[in-house]
Amino acid sequence: MDWPGGNWENIATLAATIAVAYVLVLWISIIAWTYRDIRDRSRDAAFQIVAVLLVLVFNIPGWFIYMLLRPSETLAQAYARSLEEEALLQELEEQGICPSCKRYVTADFVVCPYCRTQLKEPCANCGRPLSFNWVACPHCATPKTRVAAPAQKEARPVSQAGEALESAERRHAASP
């Protein structure tokens, strides 16, 4: 039996060659894709080698296994997520936390509305809240007045033995 393009065996050989070339190109492209994908998802060299060898040895079933085991997000996605989390934490820090009751308070609170802990002190001129470590109001440039510490009596430290010695010297000087 004669085929229009020649012998049917030649056509079968050509079809088989095309199929093998297609599978070979598919296999190599899956290996290359796996290598690029695992590089984007992990910095662990051993894990990268295992993933590529899994696809190299087991072909498409190995690729399915890799797809099940690979990290769910790329390193860029993980970095973006960590930046987003850090921005949220920064926003929470800017909002502030009461040092006493650990509840969230806003930056313009002078006292905590929950436990009445003094968070800031009001400006003497404009009344806006000032941090304790500021030396002037950033809004009206008024110097912050420092509350003076209560005056302490000037007392010299004298031990009990020293007091006994002084009283003994006074008695001795007073006696004839």
Protein backbone atom coordinates (compact mmCIF):
# COMPACT_ATOMS: atom_id res chain seq x y z
CA MET A 1 0.00 0.00 0.00
CA ASP A 2 1.37 3.32 -1.08
CA TRP A 3 0.73 6.53 0.88
CA PRO A 4 0.52 9.91 -0.84
CA GLY A 5 3.63 11.19 0.96
CA GLY A 6 5.55 7.99 0.56
CA ASN A 7 5.84 4.84 2.64
CA TRP A 8 3.68 4.68 5.84
CA GLU A 9 6.70 3.51 7.79
CA ASN A 10 8.52 6.72 6.90
CA ILE A 11 5.49 8.75 8.00
CA ALA A 12 5.27 6.80 11.29
CA THR A 13 8.97 7.36 11.90
CA LEU A 14 8.55 11.08 11.18
CA ALA A 15 5.53 11.27 13.52
CA ALA A 16 7.43 9.40 16.25
CA THR A 17 10.44 11.71 15.81
CA ILE A 18 8.21 14.79 16.10
CA ALA A 19 6.49 13.32 19.21
CA VAL A 20 9.82 12.51 20.85
CA ALA A 21 11.17 15.98 20.00
CA TYR A 22 7.99 17.54 21.43
CA VAL A 23 8.29 15.53 24.67
CA LEU A 24 12.01 16.33 24.89
CA VAL A 25 11.42 20.08 24.42
CA LEU A 26 8.54 19.92 26.92
CA TRP A 27 10.75 18.09 29.43
CA ILE A 28 13.64 20.57 29.04
CA SER A 29 11.30 23.56 29.27
CA ILE A 30 9.68 22.16 32.45
CA ILE A 31 13.16 21.69 33.96
CA ALA A 32 14.15 25.25 33.01
CA TRP A 33 10.85 26.64 34.35
CA THR A 34 11.30 24.70 37.60
CA TYR A 35 14.83 26.03 38.01
CA ARG A 36 13.72 29.63 37.47
CA ASP A 37 10.67 29.22 39.70
CA ILE A 38 12.54 27.66 42.62
CA ARG A 39 15.22 30.38 42.37
CA ASP A 40 12.46 32.96 42.83
CA ARG A 41 10.99 31.08 45.81
CA SER A 42 13.97 29.89 47.85
CA ARG A 43 17.58 30.78 48.54
CA ASP A 44 18.35 27.29 49.81
CA ALA A 45 20.71 25.73 47.24
CA ALA A 46 19.98 22.16 48.38
CA PHE A 47 16.24 22.67 47.95
CA GLN A 48 16.83 24.15 44.49
CA ILE A 49 18.90 21.13 43.43
CA VAL A 50 16.35 18.65 44.79
CA ALA A 51 13.50 20.41 43.00
CA VAL A 52 15.30 20.40 39.65
CA LEU A 53 16.41 16.77 40.06
CA LEU A 54 12.84 15.78 40.94
CA VAL A 55 11.60 17.16 37.62
CA LEU A 56 14.66 15.90 35.76
CA VAL A 57 14.20 12.30 36.91
CA PHE A 58 10.41 12.00 37.11
CA ASN A 59 9.43 14.43 34.34
CA ILE A 60 5.77 15.55 34.51
CA PRO A 61 4.89 13.53 37.67
CA GLY A 62 7.97 15.09 39.32
CA TRP A 63 6.74 18.50 38.23
CA PHE A 64 3.37 17.85 39.89
CA ILE A 65 5.16 16.78 43.08
CA TYR A 66 7.26 19.96 42.91
CA MET A 67 4.12 22.05 42.47
CA LEU A 68 2.72 20.51 45.67
CA LEU A 69 5.92 21.01 47.69
CA ARG A 70 7.14 24.39 46.49
CA PRO A 71 6.87 27.48 48.74
CA SER A 72 3.58 29.26 48.23
CA GLU A 73 5.05 32.72 47.68
CA THR A 74 8.09 34.06 45.92
CA LEU A 75 10.87 35.86 47.76
CA ALA A 76 9.66 39.15 46.26
CA GLN A 77 6.14 38.50 47.54
CA ALA A 78 7.48 37.58 50.98
CA TYR A 79 9.57 40.77 51.02
CA ALA A 80 6.58 42.89 49.99
CA ARG A 81 4.46 41.23 52.68
CA SER A 82 7.12 41.90 55.32
CA LEU A 83 7.33 45.55 54.22
CA GLU A 84 3.57 45.83 54.52
CA GLU A 85 3.62 44.26 57.98
CA GLU A 86 6.43 46.59 59.03
CA ALA A 87 4.47 49.60 57.76
CA LEU A 88 1.46 48.48 59.78
CA LEU A 89 3.62 48.06 62.88
CA GLN A 90 5.15 51.49 62.30
CA GLU A 91 1.66 52.94 62.04
CA LEU A 92 0.72 51.27 65.33
CA GLU A 93 3.88 52.61 66.97
CA GLU A 94 3.09 56.11 65.75
CA GLN A 95 -0.35 55.75 67.23
CA GLY A 96 1.22 54.98 70.60
CA ILE A 97 0.63 52.68 73.49
CA CYS A 98 0.01 53.67 77.07
CA PRO A 99 3.01 52.55 79.14
CA SER A 100 0.77 51.68 82.06
CA CYS A 101 -2.26 49.81 80.67
CA LYS A 102 -0.80 48.93 77.20
CA ARG A 103 -3.87 50.18 75.32
CA TYR A 104 -3.62 52.16 72.09
CA VAL A 105 -3.77 55.92 72.41
CA THR A 106 -3.42 58.67 69.81
CA ALA A 107 -0.50 61.07 69.65
CA ASP A 108 -2.49 64.08 70.85
CA PHE A 109 -3.58 62.54 74.17
CA VAL A 110 -2.16 64.20 77.27
CA VAL A 111 -3.46 61.47 79.59
CA CYS A 112 -4.55 57.91 78.89
CA PRO A 113 -8.36 57.84 78.81
CA TYR A 114 -8.37 54.34 80.31
CA CYS A 115 -6.01 54.57 83.29
CA ARG A 116 -5.35 58.34 83.52
CA THR A 117 -1.57 57.95 83.22
CA GLN A 118 0.03 61.21 82.09
CA LEU A 119 1.44 60.60 78.61
CA LYS A 120 2.51 64.16 77.71
CA GLU A 121 2.38 67.58 79.25
CA PRO A 122 0.42 70.49 77.77
CA CYS A 123 2.22 73.55 76.42
CA ALA A 124 1.93 76.55 78.73
CA ASN A 125 1.14 78.84 75.78
CA CYS A 126 -0.91 76.90 73.19
CA GLY A 127 -1.98 73.88 75.22
CA ARG A 128 -0.86 71.29 72.66
CA PRO A 129 0.68 68.08 74.01
CA LEU A 130 4.46 68.05 74.42
CA SER A 131 6.71 65.07 74.89
CA PHE A 132 8.60 65.02 78.15
CA ASN A 133 12.01 65.19 76.45
CA TRP A 134 11.26 68.30 74.35
CA VAL A 135 12.71 71.62 75.48
CA ALA A 136 10.29 73.84 73.52
CA CYS A 137 6.88 73.61 71.90
CA PRO A 138 7.29 72.86 68.16
CA HIS A 139 3.98 74.62 67.42
CA CYS A 140 4.43 78.01 69.12
CA ALA A 141 8.17 77.95 70.02
CA THR A 142 7.48 78.58 73.70
CA PRO A 143 10.25 77.19 75.92
CA LYS A 144 8.97 74.39 78.07
CA THR A 145 8.95 75.22 81.76
CA ARG A 146 10.61 72.58 83.84
CA VAL A 147 8.99 71.63 87.07
CA ALA A 148 11.68 71.97 89.70
CA ALA A 149 12.31 69.03 91.93
CA PRO A 150 11.28 69.62 95.54
CA ALA A 151 14.08 71.26 97.49
CA GLN A 152 15.82 68.84 99.77
CA LYS A 153 17.28 69.82 103.11
CA GLU A 154 21.00 69.90 103.01
CA ALA A 155 21.85 67.10 105.31
CA ARG A 156 25.25 65.64 105.69
CA PRO A 157 25.32 61.93 106.01
CA VAL A 158 26.39 61.06 109.49
CA SER A 159 26.57 57.55 110.75
CA GLN A 160 25.33 56.55 114.16
CA ALA A 161 28.89 55.94 115.28
CA GLY A 162 29.84 59.48 114.23
CA GLU A 163 26.91 60.92 116.20
CA ALA A 164 27.95 58.96 119.29
CA LEU A 165 31.51 60.21 118.91
CA GLU A 166 30.39 63.85 118.63
CA SER A 167 28.13 63.60 121.68
CA ALA A 168 30.96 61.98 123.67
CA GLU A 169 33.35 64.78 122.65
CA ARG A 170 30.81 67.42 123.75
CA ARG A 171 30.39 65.76 127.13
CA HIS A 172 34.12 65.49 127.56
CA ALA A 173 34.63 69.16 126.70
CA ALA A 174 31.87 70.20 129.12
CA SER A 175 33.31 68.25 132.07
CA PRO A 176 36.02 69.99 134.28
